[in-house]
Amino acid sequence: ALMGSSRLPGKVLRRLGGRTVLDRVVRAAQQSGVLDELVVATTVEPADDAIVAECAAIGVPCYRGPVDDVLTRFLGVLDRHESDVVLRFTADCPLLDPHLVARAHRVFVAADVDYLTTSITRTLPRGLDVEVVRTSVLRAIDPLATDHHRTHVTSYIYTHADDFDVIGLTAQPDLSHLRLTLDTEDDWRLIEAIVGHFGDEAVSVRELADWLADRPELIEINAHVLQKALVQA
């Protein structure tokens, strides 16, 4: 969770239905029922003092690490909170589906792999991504990952997939045309409309997709928004 954003600064502490975006992500992740502990990773930037304060308000631990080194932040969390497996969520995805998180974890455990993601082949809406990785993998790539791979940790795993057991989780039908992440004001307009209808509780991806299918004018609100390329993000 970071306050800095080139397109929508402070987005993770905007309020949706009486809660911050960060609070909604935290609660949805916890409602999956598969987490032993949840830790918010942020940076040492003064602007992120506000995230530390929000974590205290909602009762979750917070870890502060380097600004441009996500992998070091991950490992800093794991040095303080021991775990064999990590599920990663980004704080600008307030429509996270707890049922999808639980399913991803079940598949990861059943397949006995090193890494699972919903985005190798994108069939789910952007903004509902789930990643599951073994701590041993993160520690193994620490001395190897450089440049943008330290900021985008899973891109290292993608490009070295032959070294790990990697699987992707996909959905039918293909829902990848839906953009449900929060990067711009138009993203915000769509997400506000969704929360205005469904209220404070998390919604399953299927229910949300069915509702939006009857409202193409909402889908069009942010259909033009392009995701940043890896080297830009």
Foldseek 3Di string as FASTA:
>chain_A
DEQDAPADGRQQQDDAQRGGLQLLVVVLQVVLVPDPADEAEYAPDPVCVVVCVVCVVSPHHYHHYHHQFVLVSVVVVCVVPPDFKDKDDDSQQNQAHSPVQNVQVVVCVVVVWAKEWQVPPAQAAASHIIIMGTPVVSVVCVVPDDDLCRRVVVVVCVVVVVVTGYDYDHDPPRPHLAHQGDRHVLNVVLNNVVCVVPPSDHDHRVVVVVVCVVPVVSRVSCSVDDDDDSVVD
